[in-house]
Amino acid sequence: MMIMNETKNLIQQITEGIQEKKGKNIIVADLTKINDTICSYFVICQGNSPAQIAAIVDSIKEYTRKGSGDKPFAVDGLRNAEWVAMDYVNVLVHIFLPEVRDFYNLEHLWEDAKLTKIPDID
């Protein structure tokens, strides 16, 4: 049970990091009931420009480091910053440009997952 709370706390910090930089359309996908997944949760969101996506990545890093001492195991995609993936082992964070997000449509790909929409903060 302890691991569950740590993961929920991590997701909360990731979400706050996204919201701090005005990331939008945040979805948390719970993959725990699906067999053979690479992680337990996806956090998916979008930014309007590569610069905003880079800022969201930095914000997530800062929030997770301060909140729990967690650092991403890997960060991929920052060069183009159209789709950045941050690997926190149990939680994978995907930050997309809107049109790239629409193209890959991860939410549909993982439609068996329990999806939770986090309201945008304006």
PDB file of N, CA and C in Angstrom:
ATOM      1  N   MET A   1       0.836  -1.212   0.000  1.00  0.00           N
ATOM      2  CA  MET A   1       0.000   0.000   0.000  1.00  0.00           C
ATOM      3  C   MET A   1       0.869   1.259   0.000  1.00  0.00           C
ATOM      4  N   MET A   2       2.003   1.182   0.635  1.00  0.00           N
ATOM      5  CA  MET A   2       2.909   2.331   0.728  1.00  0.00           C
ATOM      6  C   MET A   2       3.309   2.844  -0.661  1.00  0.00           C
ATOM      7  N   ILE A   3       3.644   1.916  -1.544  1.00  0.00           N
ATOM      8  CA  ILE A   3       4.081   2.292  -2.896  1.00  0.00           C
ATOM      9  C   ILE A   3       2.981   3.086  -3.600  1.00  0.00           C
ATOM     10  N   MET A   4       1.739   2.636  -3.419  1.00  0.00           N
ATOM     11  CA  MET A   4       0.604   3.304  -4.037  1.00  0.00           C
ATOM     12  C   MET A   4       0.558   4.779  -3.647  1.00  0.00           C
ATOM     13  N   ASN A   5       0.723   5.065  -2.343  1.00  0.00           N
ATOM     14  CA  ASN A   5       0.667   6.450  -1.876  1.00  0.00           C
ATOM     15  C   ASN A   5       1.819   7.271  -2.429  1.00  0.00           C
ATOM     16  N   GLU A   6       3.013   6.676  -2.491  1.00  0.00           N
ATOM     17  CA  GLU A   6       4.160   7.384  -3.062  1.00  0.00           C
ATOM     18  C   GLU A   6       3.899   7.729  -4.529  1.00  0.00           C
ATOM     19  N   THR A   7       3.305   6.793  -5.251  1.00  0.00           N
ATOM     20  CA  THR A   7       3.009   7.023  -6.664  1.00  0.00           C
ATOM     21  C   THR A   7       1.959   8.112  -6.823  1.00  0.00           C
ATOM     22  N   LYS A   8       0.917   8.073  -5.998  1.00  0.00           N
ATOM     23  CA  LYS A   8      -0.127   9.108  -6.057  1.00  0.00           C
ATOM     24  C   LYS A   8       0.469  10.481  -5.746  1.00  0.00           C
ATOM     25  N   ASN A   9       1.365  10.531  -4.772  1.00  0.00           N
ATOM     26  CA  ASN A   9       2.047  11.773  -4.414  1.00  0.00           C
ATOM     27  C   ASN A   9       2.877  12.279  -5.597  1.00  0.00           C
ATOM     28  N   LEU A  10       3.584  11.374  -6.253  1.00  0.00           N
ATOM     29  CA  LEU A  10       4.391  11.734  -7.422  1.00  0.00           C
ATOM     30  C   LEU A  10       3.508  12.301  -8.533  1.00  0.00           C
ATOM     31  N   ILE A  11       2.376  11.648  -8.787  1.00  0.00           N
ATOM     32  CA  ILE A  11       1.443  12.126  -9.817  1.00  0.00           C
ATOM     33  C   ILE A  11       0.936  13.524  -9.471  1.00  0.00           C
ATOM     34  N   GLN A  12       0.656  13.743  -8.197  1.00  0.00           N
ATOM     35  CA  GLN A  12       0.208  15.064  -7.742  1.00  0.00           C
ATOM     36  C   GLN A  12       1.275  16.126  -8.022  1.00  0.00           C
ATOM     37  N   GLN A  13       2.537  15.810  -7.724  1.00  0.00           N
ATOM     38  CA  GLN A  13       3.631  16.760  -7.959  1.00  0.00           C
ATOM     39  C   GLN A  13       3.813  17.018  -9.451  1.00  0.00           C
ATOM     40  N   ILE A  14       3.723  15.963 -10.254  1.00  0.00           N
ATOM     41  CA  ILE A  14       3.837  16.112 -11.708  1.00  0.00           C
ATOM     42  C   ILE A  14       2.734  17.027 -12.228  1.00  0.00           C
ATOM     43  N   THR A  15       1.508  16.784 -11.757  1.00  0.00           N
ATOM     44  CA  THR A  15       0.346  17.585 -12.173  1.00  0.00           C
ATOM     45  C   THR A  15       0.540  19.056 -11.806  1.00  0.00           C
ATOM     46  N   GLU A  16       1.010  19.304 -10.591  1.00  0.00           N
ATOM     47  CA  GLU A  16       1.237  20.687 -10.159  1.00  0.00           C
ATOM     48  C   GLU A  16       2.323  21.353 -10.996  1.00  0.00           C
ATOM     49  N   GLY A  17       3.361  20.590 -11.348  1.00  0.00           N
ATOM     50  CA  GLY A  17       4.421  21.118 -12.208  1.00  0.00           C
ATOM     51  C   GLY A  17       3.894  21.499 -13.582  1.00  0.00           C
ATOM     52  N   ILE A  18       2.993  20.680 -14.109  1.00  0.00           N
ATOM     53  CA  ILE A  18       2.375  20.973 -15.414  1.00  0.00           C
ATOM     54  C   ILE A  18       1.525  22.240 -15.309  1.00  0.00           C
ATOM     55  N   GLN A  19       0.694  22.301 -14.268  1.00  0.00           N
ATOM     56  CA  GLN A  19      -0.219  23.436 -14.111  1.00  0.00           C
ATOM     57  C   GLN A  19       0.532  24.735 -13.875  1.00  0.00           C
ATOM     58  N   GLU A  20       1.660  24.658 -13.200  1.00  0.00           N
ATOM     59  CA  GLU A  20       2.471  25.841 -12.914  1.00  0.00           C
ATOM     60  C   GLU A  20       2.865  26.558 -14.214  1.00  0.00           C
ATOM     61  N   LYS A  21       3.092  25.789 -15.286  1.00  0.00           N
ATOM     62  CA  LYS A  21       3.476  26.375 -16.575  1.00  0.00           C
ATOM     63  C   LYS A  21       2.320  26.358 -17.572  1.00  0.00           C
ATOM     64  N   LYS A  22       1.113  26.284 -17.055  1.00  0.00           N
ATOM     65  CA  LYS A  22      -0.107  26.382 -17.871  1.00  0.00           C
ATOM     66  C   LYS A  22      -0.243  25.260 -18.908  1.00  0.00           C
ATOM     67  N   GLY A  23       0.289  24.073 -18.577  1.00  0.00           N
ATOM     68  CA  GLY A  23       0.036  22.905 -19.420  1.00  0.00           C
ATOM     69  C   GLY A  23      -1.451  22.590 -19.381  1.00  0.00           C
ATOM     70  N   LYS A  24      -1.995  22.089 -20.484  1.00  0.00           N
ATOM     71  CA  LYS A  24      -3.444  21.908 -20.595  1.00  0.00           C
ATOM     72  C   LYS A  24      -3.819  20.453 -20.862  1.00  0.00           C
ATOM     73  N   ASN A  25      -5.130  20.211 -20.679  1.00  0.00           N
ATOM     74  CA  ASN A  25      -5.730  18.935 -21.074  1.00  0.00           C
ATOM     75  C   ASN A  25      -4.974  17.754 -20.450  1.00  0.00           C
ATOM     76  N   ILE A  26      -4.821  17.818 -19.131  1.00  0.00           N
ATOM     77  CA  ILE A  26      -4.063  16.788 -18.404  1.00  0.00           C
ATOM     78  C   ILE A  26      -4.942  15.555 -18.188  1.00  0.00           C
ATOM     79  N   ILE A  27      -4.419  14.418 -18.578  1.00  0.00           N
ATOM     80  CA  ILE A  27      -5.103  13.142 -18.367  1.00  0.00           C
ATOM     81  C   ILE A  27      -4.157  12.227 -17.590  1.00  0.00           C
ATOM     82  N   VAL A  28      -4.680  11.579 -16.539  1.00  0.00           N
ATOM     83  CA  VAL A  28      -3.930  10.537 -15.839  1.00  0.00           C
ATOM     84  C   VAL A  28      -4.554   9.206 -16.244  1.00  0.00           C
ATOM     85  N   ALA A  29      -3.743   8.337 -16.834  1.00  0.00           N
ATOM     86  CA  ALA A  29      -4.209   7.008 -17.249  1.00  0.00           C
ATOM     87  C   ALA A  29      -3.687   5.982 -16.251  1.00  0.00           C
ATOM     88  N   ASP A  30      -4.609   5.287 -15.609  1.00  0.00           N
ATOM     89  CA  ASP A  30      -4.265   4.249 -14.642  1.00  0.00           C
ATOM     90  C   ASP A  30      -4.154   2.927 -15.398  1.00  0.00           C
ATOM     91  N   LEU A  31      -2.936   2.408 -15.510  1.00  0.00           N
ATOM     92  CA  LEU A  31      -2.683   1.183 -16.276  1.00  0.00           C
ATOM     93  C   LEU A  31      -2.535  -0.035 -15.366  1.00  0.00           C
ATOM     94  N   THR A  32      -2.822   0.131 -14.077  1.00  0.00           N
ATOM     95  CA  THR A  32      -2.527  -0.938 -13.112  1.00  0.00           C
ATOM     96  C   THR A  32      -3.356  -2.205 -13.341  1.00  0.00           C
ATOM     97  N   LYS A  33      -4.488  -2.091 -14.009  1.00  0.00           N
ATOM     98  CA  LYS A  33      -5.338  -3.269 -14.242  1.00  0.00           C
ATOM     99  C   LYS A  33      -5.065  -3.926 -15.602  1.00  0.00           C
ATOM    100  N   ILE A  34      -4.075  -3.387 -16.339  1.00  0.00           N
ATOM    101  CA  ILE A  34      -3.767  -3.903 -17.671  1.00  0.00           C
ATOM    102  C   ILE A  34      -2.467  -4.705 -17.584  1.00  0.00           C
ATOM    103  N   ASN A  35      -2.462  -5.886 -18.164  1.00  0.00           N
ATOM    104  CA  ASN A  35      -1.267  -6.737 -18.119  1.00  0.00           C
ATOM    105  C   ASN A  35      -0.166  -6.227 -19.043  1.00  0.00           C
ATOM    106  N   ASP A  36       1.072  -6.514 -18.678  1.00  0.00           N
ATOM    107  CA  ASP A  36       2.242  -6.276 -19.538  1.00  0.00           C
ATOM    108  C   ASP A  36       2.413  -4.824 -19.957  1.00  0.00           C
ATOM    109  N   THR A  37       2.199  -3.897 -19.042  1.00  0.00           N
ATOM    110  CA  THR A  37       2.462  -2.494 -19.365  1.00  0.00           C
ATOM    111  C   THR A  37       3.848  -2.123 -18.847  1.00  0.00           C
ATOM    112  N   ILE A  38       4.427  -1.085 -19.426  1.00  0.00           N
ATOM    113  CA  ILE A  38       5.780  -0.684 -19.039  1.00  0.00           C
ATOM    114  C   ILE A  38       5.801   0.135 -17.756  1.00  0.00           C
ATOM    115  N   CYS A  39       4.633   0.625 -17.337  1.00  0.00           N
ATOM    116  CA  CYS A  39       4.567   1.414 -16.115  1.00  0.00           C
ATOM    117  C   CYS A  39       3.150   1.311 -15.547  1.00  0.00           C
ATOM    118  N   SER A  40       2.915   1.927 -14.400  1.00  0.00           N
ATOM    119  CA  SER A  40       1.591   1.875 -13.764  1.00  0.00           C
ATOM    120  C   SER A  40       0.667   3.013 -14.195  1.00  0.00           C
ATOM    121  N   TYR A  41       1.265   4.165 -14.506  1.00  0.00           N
ATOM    122  CA  TYR A  41       0.465   5.345 -14.857  1.00  0.00           C
ATOM    123  C   TYR A  41       1.118   6.118 -15.991  1.00  0.00           C
ATOM    124  N   PHE A  42       0.272   6.722 -16.825  1.00  0.00           N
ATOM    125  CA  PHE A  42       0.691   7.747 -17.774  1.00  0.00           C
ATOM    126  C   PHE A  42       0.101   9.058 -17.283  1.00  0.00           C
ATOM    127  N   VAL A  43       0.861  10.132 -17.388  1.00  0.00           N
ATOM    128  CA  VAL A  43       0.304  11.474 -17.252  1.00  0.00           C
ATOM    129  C   VAL A  43       0.541  12.129 -18.603  1.00  0.00           C
ATOM    130  N   ILE A  44      -0.547  12.557 -19.255  1.00  0.00           N
ATOM    131  CA  ILE A  44      -0.479  13.110 -20.605  1.00  0.00           C
ATOM    132  C   ILE A  44      -0.970  14.551 -20.550  1.00  0.00           C
ATOM    133  N   CYS A  45      -0.243  15.444 -21.220  1.00  0.00           N
ATOM    134  CA  CYS A  45      -0.697  16.839 -21.272  1.00  0.00           C
ATOM    135  C   CYS A  45      -0.154  17.472 -22.535  1.00  0.00           C
ATOM    136  N   GLN A  46      -0.449  18.756 -22.713  1.00  0.00           N
ATOM    137  CA  GLN A  46       0.053  19.456 -23.886  1.00  0.00           C
ATOM    138  C   GLN A  46       0.460  20.877 -23.549  1.00  0.00           C
ATOM    139  N   GLY A  47       1.393  21.362 -24.367  1.00  0.00           N
ATOM    140  CA  GLY A  47       1.829  22.751 -24.329  1.00  0.00           C
ATOM    141  C   GLY A  47       1.692  23.304 -25.733  1.00  0.00           C
ATOM    142  N   ASN A  48       1.602  24.611 -25.846  1.00  0.00           N
ATOM    143  CA  ASN A  48       1.310  25.225 -27.155  1.00  0.00           C
ATOM    144  C   ASN A  48       2.533  25.463 -28.027  1.00  0.00           C
ATOM    145  N   SER A  49       3.736  25.315 -27.471  1.00  0.00           N
ATOM    146  CA  SER A  49       4.952  25.561 -28.247  1.00  0.00           C
ATOM    147  C   SER A  49       6.077  24.715 -27.670  1.00  0.00           C
ATOM    148  N   PRO A  50       7.122  24.465 -28.467  1.00  0.00           N
ATOM    149  CA  PRO A  50       8.282  23.756 -27.914  1.00  0.00           C
ATOM    150  C   PRO A  50       8.854  24.446 -26.672  1.00  0.00           C
ATOM    151  N   ALA A  51       8.850  25.782 -26.670  1.00  0.00           N
ATOM    152  CA  ALA A  51       9.376  26.514 -25.504  1.00  0.00           C
ATOM    153  C   ALA A  51       8.526  26.241 -24.259  1.00  0.00           C
ATOM    154  N   GLN A  52       7.209  26.219 -24.430  1.00  0.00           N
ATOM    155  CA  GLN A  52       6.334  25.934 -23.288  1.00  0.00           C
ATOM    156  C   GLN A  52       6.533  24.487 -22.822  1.00  0.00           C
ATOM    157  N   ILE A  53       6.682  23.567 -23.750  1.00  0.00           N
ATOM    158  CA  ILE A  53       6.910  22.168 -23.375  1.00  0.00           C
ATOM    159  C   ILE A  53       8.202  22.047 -22.571  1.00  0.00           C
ATOM    160  N   ALA A  54       9.269  22.712 -23.008  1.00  0.00           N
ATOM    161  CA  ALA A  54      10.538  22.680 -22.268  1.00  0.00           C
ATOM    162  C   ALA A  54      10.356  23.264 -20.864  1.00  0.00           C
ATOM    163  N   ALA A  55       9.566  24.332 -20.755  1.00  0.00           N
ATOM    164  CA  ALA A  55       9.304  24.945 -19.448  1.00  0.00           C
ATOM    165  C   ALA A  55       8.514  23.987 -18.544  1.00  0.00           C
ATOM    166  N   ILE A  56       7.550  23.266 -19.119  1.00  0.00           N
ATOM    167  CA  ILE A  56       6.774  22.284 -18.355  1.00  0.00           C
ATOM    168  C   ILE A  56       7.700  21.172 -17.839  1.00  0.00           C
ATOM    169  N   VAL A  57       8.608  20.693 -18.692  1.00  0.00           N
ATOM    170  CA  VAL A  57       9.564  19.654 -18.277  1.00  0.00           C
ATOM    171  C   VAL A  57      10.372  20.137 -17.072  1.00  0.00           C
ATOM    172  N   ASP A  58      10.914  21.355 -17.168  1.00  0.00           N
ATOM    173  CA  ASP A  58      11.714  21.901 -16.065  1.00  0.00           C
ATOM    174  C   ASP A  58      10.884  22.040 -14.795  1.00  0.00           C
ATOM    175  N   SER A  59       9.649  22.471 -14.952  1.00  0.00           N
ATOM    176  CA  SER A  59       8.760  22.647 -13.810  1.00  0.00           C
ATOM    177  C   SER A  59       8.452  21.307 -13.139  1.00  0.00           C
ATOM    178  N   ILE A  60       8.173  20.287 -13.939  1.00  0.00           N
ATOM    179  CA  ILE A  60       7.913  18.953 -13.384  1.00  0.00           C
ATOM    180  C   ILE A  60       9.142  18.466 -12.616  1.00  0.00           C
ATOM    181  N   LYS A  61      10.326  18.639 -13.207  1.00  0.00           N
ATOM    182  CA  LYS A  61      11.564  18.214 -12.528  1.00  0.00           C
ATOM    183  C   LYS A  61      11.704  18.896 -11.172  1.00  0.00           C
ATOM    184  N   GLU A  62      11.422  20.202 -11.156  1.00  0.00           N
ATOM    185  CA  GLU A  62      11.567  20.971  -9.922  1.00  0.00           C
ATOM    186  C   GLU A  62      10.552  20.524  -8.866  1.00  0.00           C
ATOM    187  N   TYR A  63       9.293  20.371  -9.265  1.00  0.00           N
ATOM    188  CA  TYR A  63       8.248  19.958  -8.322  1.00  0.00           C
ATOM    189  C   TYR A  63       8.518  18.569  -7.746  1.00  0.00           C
ATOM    190  N   THR A  64       8.945  17.636  -8.587  1.00  0.00           N
ATOM    191  CA  THR A  64       9.168  16.277  -8.095  1.00  0.00           C
ATOM    192  C   THR A  64      10.416  16.201  -7.216  1.00  0.00           C
ATOM    193  N   ARG A  65      11.427  16.983  -7.566  1.00  0.00           N
ATOM    194  CA  ARG A  65      12.649  16.987  -6.750  1.00  0.00           C
ATOM    195  C   ARG A  65      12.362  17.564  -5.365  1.00  0.00           C
ATOM    196  N   LYS A  66      11.643  18.689  -5.341  1.00  0.00           N
ATOM    197  CA  LYS A  66      11.305  19.326  -4.060  1.00  0.00           C
ATOM    198  C   LYS A  66      10.316  18.483  -3.266  1.00  0.00           C
ATOM    199  N   GLY A  67       9.329  17.915  -3.968  1.00  0.00           N
ATOM    200  CA  GLY A  67       8.240  17.226  -3.277  1.00  0.00           C
ATOM    201  C   GLY A  67       8.609  15.870  -2.729  1.00  0.00           C
ATOM    202  N   SER A  68       9.481  15.142  -3.435  1.00  0.00           N
ATOM    203  CA  SER A  68       9.771  13.773  -2.989  1.00  0.00           C
ATOM    204  C   SER A  68      11.198  13.332  -3.280  1.00  0.00           C
ATOM    205  N   GLY A  69      11.999  14.226  -3.828  1.00  0.00           N
ATOM    206  CA  GLY A  69      13.368  13.842  -4.167  1.00  0.00           C
ATOM    207  C   GLY A  69      13.450  12.968  -5.407  1.00  0.00           C
ATOM    208  N   ASP A  70      12.329  12.811  -6.122  1.00  0.00           N
ATOM    209  CA  ASP A  70      12.331  11.986  -7.331  1.00  0.00           C
ATOM    210  C   ASP A  70      12.949  12.746  -8.495  1.00  0.00           C
ATOM    211  N   LYS A  71      13.747  12.018  -9.274  1.00  0.00           N
ATOM    212  CA  LYS A  71      14.299  12.568 -10.516  1.00  0.00           C
ATOM    213  C   LYS A  71      13.869  11.638 -11.637  1.00  0.00           C
ATOM    214  N   PRO A  72      13.643  12.188 -12.838  1.00  0.00           N
ATOM    215  CA  PRO A  72      13.285  11.288 -13.938  1.00  0.00           C
ATOM    216  C   PRO A  72      14.466  10.380 -14.275  1.00  0.00           C
ATOM    217  N   PHE A  73      14.162   9.126 -14.528  1.00  0.00           N
ATOM    218  CA  PHE A  73      15.154   8.139 -14.935  1.00  0.00           C
ATOM    219  C   PHE A  73      15.686   8.514 -16.317  1.00  0.00           C
ATOM    220  N   ALA A  74      14.805   9.048 -17.161  1.00  0.00           N
ATOM    221  CA  ALA A  74      15.180   9.480 -18.508  1.00  0.00           C
ATOM    222  C   ALA A  74      14.205  10.535 -18.993  1.00  0.00           C
ATOM    223  N   VAL A  75      14.697  11.421 -19.860  1.00  0.00           N
ATOM    224  CA  VAL A  75      13.855  12.416 -20.529  1.00  0.00           C
ATOM    225  C   VAL A  75      14.210  12.362 -22.009  1.00  0.00           C
ATOM    226  N   ASP A  76      13.220  12.090 -22.852  1.00  0.00           N
ATOM    227  CA  ASP A  76      13.452  11.973 -24.293  1.00  0.00           C
ATOM    228  C   ASP A  76      12.610  12.973 -25.063  1.00  0.00           C
ATOM    229  N   GLY A  77      13.167  13.516 -26.150  1.00  0.00           N
ATOM    230  CA  GLY A  77      12.389  14.344 -27.058  1.00  0.00           C
ATOM    231  C   GLY A  77      12.589  15.834 -26.892  1.00  0.00           C
ATOM    232  N   LEU A  78      13.462  16.241 -25.986  1.00  0.00           N
ATOM    233  CA  LEU A  78      13.633  17.680 -25.727  1.00  0.00           C
ATOM    234  C   LEU A  78      14.220  18.437 -26.912  1.00  0.00           C
ATOM    235  N   ARG A  79      14.949  17.738 -27.793  1.00  0.00           N
ATOM    236  CA  ARG A  79      15.593  18.448 -28.906  1.00  0.00           C
ATOM    237  C   ARG A  79      14.562  19.148 -29.786  1.00  0.00           C
ATOM    238  N   ASN A  80      13.506  18.423 -30.169  1.00  0.00           N
ATOM    239  CA  ASN A  80      12.426  19.044 -30.963  1.00  0.00           C
ATOM    240  C   ASN A  80      11.336  19.604 -30.068  1.00  0.00           C
ATOM    241  N   ALA A  81      11.184  19.005 -28.894  1.00  0.00           N
ATOM    242  CA  ALA A  81      10.156  19.375 -27.918  1.00  0.00           C
ATOM    243  C   ALA A  81       8.761  19.421 -28.544  1.00  0.00           C
ATOM    244  N   GLU A  82       8.457  18.409 -29.374  1.00  0.00           N
ATOM    245  CA  GLU A  82       7.096  18.235 -29.902  1.00  0.00           C
ATOM    246  C   GLU A  82       6.369  17.162 -29.094  1.00  0.00           C
ATOM    247  N   TRP A  83       7.152  16.196 -28.628  1.00  0.00           N
ATOM    248  CA  TRP A  83       6.641  15.147 -27.746  1.00  0.00           C
ATOM    249  C   TRP A  83       7.800  14.790 -26.822  1.00  0.00           C
ATOM    250  N   VAL A  84       7.677  15.163 -25.570  1.00  0.00           N
ATOM    251  CA  VAL A  84       8.706  14.835 -24.586  1.00  0.00           C
ATOM    252  C   VAL A  84       8.143  13.775 -23.649  1.00  0.00           C
ATOM    253  N   ALA A  85       8.924  12.723 -23.434  1.00  0.00           N
ATOM    254  CA  ALA A  85       8.546  11.683 -22.481  1.00  0.00           C
ATOM    255  C   ALA A  85       9.506  11.745 -21.293  1.00  0.00           C
ATOM    256  N   MET A  86       8.929  11.742 -20.097  1.00  0.00           N
ATOM    257  CA  MET A  86       9.718  11.738 -18.859  1.00  0.00           C
ATOM    258  C   MET A  86       9.412  10.437 -18.129  1.00  0.00           C
ATOM    259  N   ASP A  87      10.453   9.680 -17.821  1.00  0.00           N
ATOM    260  CA  ASP A  87      10.296   8.360 -17.223  1.00  0.00           C
ATOM    261  C   ASP A  87      10.593   8.420 -15.727  1.00  0.00           C
ATOM    262  N   TYR A  88       9.538   8.272 -14.931  1.00  0.00           N
ATOM    263  CA  TYR A  88       9.689   8.183 -13.479  1.00  0.00           C
ATOM    264  C   TYR A  88       9.433   6.744 -13.022  1.00  0.00           C
ATOM    265  N   VAL A  89       9.824   5.775 -13.829  1.00  0.00           N
ATOM    266  CA  VAL A  89       9.700   4.335 -13.609  1.00  0.00           C
ATOM    267  C   VAL A  89       8.242   3.890 -13.528  1.00  0.00           C
ATOM    268  N   ASN A  90       7.541   4.185 -12.421  1.00  0.00           N
ATOM    269  CA  ASN A  90       6.120   3.807 -12.304  1.00  0.00           C
ATOM    270  C   ASN A  90       5.199   4.731 -13.087  1.00  0.00           C
ATOM    271  N   VAL A  91       5.688   5.927 -13.358  1.00  0.00           N
ATOM    272  CA  VAL A  91       4.872   6.945 -14.019  1.00  0.00           C
ATOM    273  C   VAL A  91       5.635   7.465 -15.242  1.00  0.00           C
ATOM    274  N   LEU A  92       4.978   7.425 -16.396  1.00  0.00           N
ATOM    275  CA  LEU A  92       5.538   8.020 -17.613  1.00  0.00           C
ATOM    276  C   LEU A  92       4.753   9.287 -17.920  1.00  0.00           C
ATOM    277  N   VAL A  93       5.458  10.385 -18.113  1.00  0.00           N
ATOM    278  CA  VAL A  93       4.825  11.660 -18.424  1.00  0.00           C
ATOM    279  C   VAL A  93       5.034  11.947 -19.907  1.00  0.00           C
ATOM    280  N   HIS A  94       3.953  12.290 -20.597  1.00  0.00           N
ATOM    281  CA  HIS A  94       4.014  12.638 -22.021  1.00  0.00           C
ATOM    282  C   HIS A  94       3.532  14.068 -22.181  1.00  0.00           C
ATOM    283  N   ILE A  95       4.389  14.917 -22.748  1.00  0.00           N
ATOM    284  CA  ILE A  95       4.031  16.314 -22.964  1.00  0.00           C
ATOM    285  C   ILE A  95       4.105  16.566 -24.480  1.00  0.00           C
ATOM    286  N   PHE A  96       2.970  16.904 -25.049  1.00  0.00           N
ATOM    287  CA  PHE A  96       2.839  17.011 -26.499  1.00  0.00           C
ATOM    288  C   PHE A  96       2.518  18.423 -26.956  1.00  0.00           C
ATOM    289  N   LEU A  97       2.888  18.729 -28.214  1.00  0.00           N
ATOM    290  CA  LEU A  97       2.217  19.806 -28.943  1.00  0.00           C
ATOM    291  C   LEU A  97       0.832  19.268 -29.306  1.00  0.00           C
ATOM    292  N   PRO A  98      -0.213  20.119 -29.372  1.00  0.00           N
ATOM    293  CA  PRO A  98      -1.577  19.620 -29.611  1.00  0.00           C
ATOM    294  C   PRO A  98      -1.712  18.738 -30.853  1.00  0.00           C
ATOM    295  N   GLU A  99      -1.105  19.145 -31.978  1.00  0.00           N
ATOM    296  CA  GLU A  99      -1.290  18.369 -33.207  1.00  0.00           C
ATOM    297  C   GLU A  99      -0.557  17.023 -33.132  1.00  0.00           C
ATOM    298  N   VAL A 100       0.550  16.976 -32.414  1.00  0.00           N
ATOM    299  CA  VAL A 100       1.287  15.710 -32.245  1.00  0.00           C
ATOM    300  C   VAL A 100       0.491  14.783 -31.322  1.00  0.00           C
ATOM    301  N   ARG A 101      -0.097  15.377 -30.290  1.00  0.00           N
ATOM    302  CA  ARG A 101      -0.933  14.594 -29.386  1.00  0.00           C
ATOM    303  C   ARG A 101      -2.113  13.983 -30.132  1.00  0.00           C
ATOM    304  N   ASP A 102      -2.757  14.795 -30.972  1.00  0.00           N
ATOM    305  CA  ASP A 102      -3.891  14.297 -31.754  1.00  0.00           C
ATOM    306  C   ASP A 102      -3.460  13.153 -32.668  1.00  0.00           C
ATOM    307  N   PHE A 103      -2.276  13.280 -33.254  1.00  0.00           N
ATOM    308  CA  PHE A 103      -1.779  12.263 -34.180  1.00  0.00           C
ATOM    309  C   PHE A 103      -1.553  10.923 -33.468  1.00  0.00           C
ATOM    310  N   TYR A 104      -0.883  10.949 -32.323  1.00  0.00           N
ATOM    311  CA  TYR A 104      -0.551   9.689 -31.628  1.00  0.00           C
ATOM    312  C   TYR A 104      -1.697   9.157 -30.778  1.00  0.00           C
ATOM    313  N   ASN A 105      -2.533  10.059 -30.280  1.00  0.00           N
ATOM    314  CA  ASN A 105      -3.765   9.689 -29.580  1.00  0.00           C
ATOM    315  C   ASN A 105      -3.558   8.561 -28.560  1.00  0.00           C
ATOM    316  N   LEU A 106      -2.638   8.783 -27.623  1.00  0.00           N
ATOM    317  CA  LEU A 106      -2.330   7.758 -26.612  1.00  0.00           C
ATOM    318  C   LEU A 106      -3.554   7.360 -25.787  1.00  0.00           C
ATOM    319  N   GLU A 107      -4.430   8.334 -25.526  1.00  0.00           N
ATOM    320  CA  GLU A 107      -5.607   8.008 -24.723  1.00  0.00           C
ATOM    321  C   GLU A 107      -6.437   6.918 -25.387  1.00  0.00           C
ATOM    322  N   HIS A 108      -6.534   6.979 -26.726  1.00  0.00           N
ATOM    323  CA  HIS A 108      -7.293   5.965 -27.448  1.00  0.00           C
ATOM    324  C   HIS A 108      -6.549   4.630 -27.448  1.00  0.00           C
ATOM    325  N   LEU A 109      -5.243   4.715 -27.600  1.00  0.00           N
ATOM    326  CA  LEU A 109      -4.407   3.513 -27.596  1.00  0.00           C
ATOM    327  C   LEU A 109      -4.562   2.734 -26.288  1.00  0.00           C
ATOM    328  N   TRP A 110      -4.698   3.465 -25.198  1.00  0.00           N
ATOM    329  CA  TRP A 110      -4.828   2.853 -23.873  1.00  0.00           C
ATOM    330  C   TRP A 110      -6.259   2.994 -23.353  1.00  0.00           C
ATOM    331  N   GLU A 111      -7.235   2.776 -24.235  1.00  0.00           N
ATOM    332  CA  GLU A 111      -8.620   3.047 -23.839  1.00  0.00           C
ATOM    333  C   GLU A 111      -9.125   2.107 -22.742  1.00  0.00           C
ATOM    334  N   ASP A 112      -8.438   0.978 -22.509  1.00  0.00           N
ATOM    335  CA  ASP A 112      -8.832   0.096 -21.407  1.00  0.00           C
ATOM    336  C   ASP A 112      -8.403   0.653 -20.052  1.00  0.00           C
ATOM    337  N   ALA A 113      -7.533   1.646 -20.067  1.00  0.00           N
ATOM    338  CA  ALA A 113      -7.075   2.253 -18.824  1.00  0.00           C
ATOM    339  C   ALA A 113      -8.175   3.125 -18.235  1.00  0.00           C
ATOM    340  N   LYS A 114      -8.124   3.305 -16.928  1.00  0.00           N
ATOM    341  CA  LYS A 114      -9.023   4.250 -16.279  1.00  0.00           C
ATOM    342  C   LYS A 114      -8.440   5.639 -16.480  1.00  0.00           C
ATOM    343  N   LEU A 115      -9.167   6.522 -17.179  1.00  0.00           N
ATOM    344  CA  LEU A 115      -8.677   7.847 -17.500  1.00  0.00           C
ATOM    345  C   LEU A 115      -9.297   8.886 -16.566  1.00  0.00           C
ATOM    346  N   THR A 116      -8.460   9.717 -15.979  1.00  0.00           N
ATOM    347  CA  THR A 116      -8.934  10.785 -15.106  1.00  0.00           C
ATOM    348  C   THR A 116      -8.493  12.105 -15.700  1.00  0.00           C
ATOM    349  N   LYS A 117      -9.460  12.980 -15.986  1.00  0.00           N
ATOM    350  CA  LYS A 117      -9.121  14.305 -16.536  1.00  0.00           C
ATOM    351  C   LYS A 117      -8.918  15.278 -15.382  1.00  0.00           C
ATOM    352  N   ILE A 118      -7.806  15.985 -15.416  1.00  0.00           N
ATOM    353  CA  ILE A 118      -7.517  17.008 -14.412  1.00  0.00           C
ATOM    354  C   ILE A 118      -7.958  18.343 -15.003  1.00  0.00           C
ATOM    355  N   PRO A 119      -8.817  19.088 -14.303  1.00  0.00           N
ATOM    356  CA  PRO A 119      -9.306  20.357 -14.883  1.00  0.00           C
ATOM    357  C   PRO A 119      -8.157  21.335 -15.147  1.00  0.00           C
ATOM    358  N   ASP A 120      -8.283  22.084 -16.245  1.00  0.00           N
ATOM    359  CA  ASP A 120      -7.286  23.114 -16.547  1.00  0.00           C
ATOM    360  C   ASP A 120      -7.373  24.226 -15.516  1.00  0.00           C
ATOM    361  N   ILE A 121      -6.231  24.801 -15.206  1.00  0.00           N
ATOM    362  CA  ILE A 121      -6.201  25.991 -14.363  1.00  0.00           C
ATOM    363  C   ILE A 121      -5.871  27.159 -15.264  1.00  0.00           C
ATOM    364  N   ASP A 122      -6.703  28.174 -15.266  1.00  0.00           N
ATOM    365  CA  ASP A 122      -6.439  29.320 -16.142  1.00  0.00           C
ATOM    366  C   ASP A 122      -5.876  30.491 -15.362  1.00  0.00           C
TER     367      ASP A 122
END
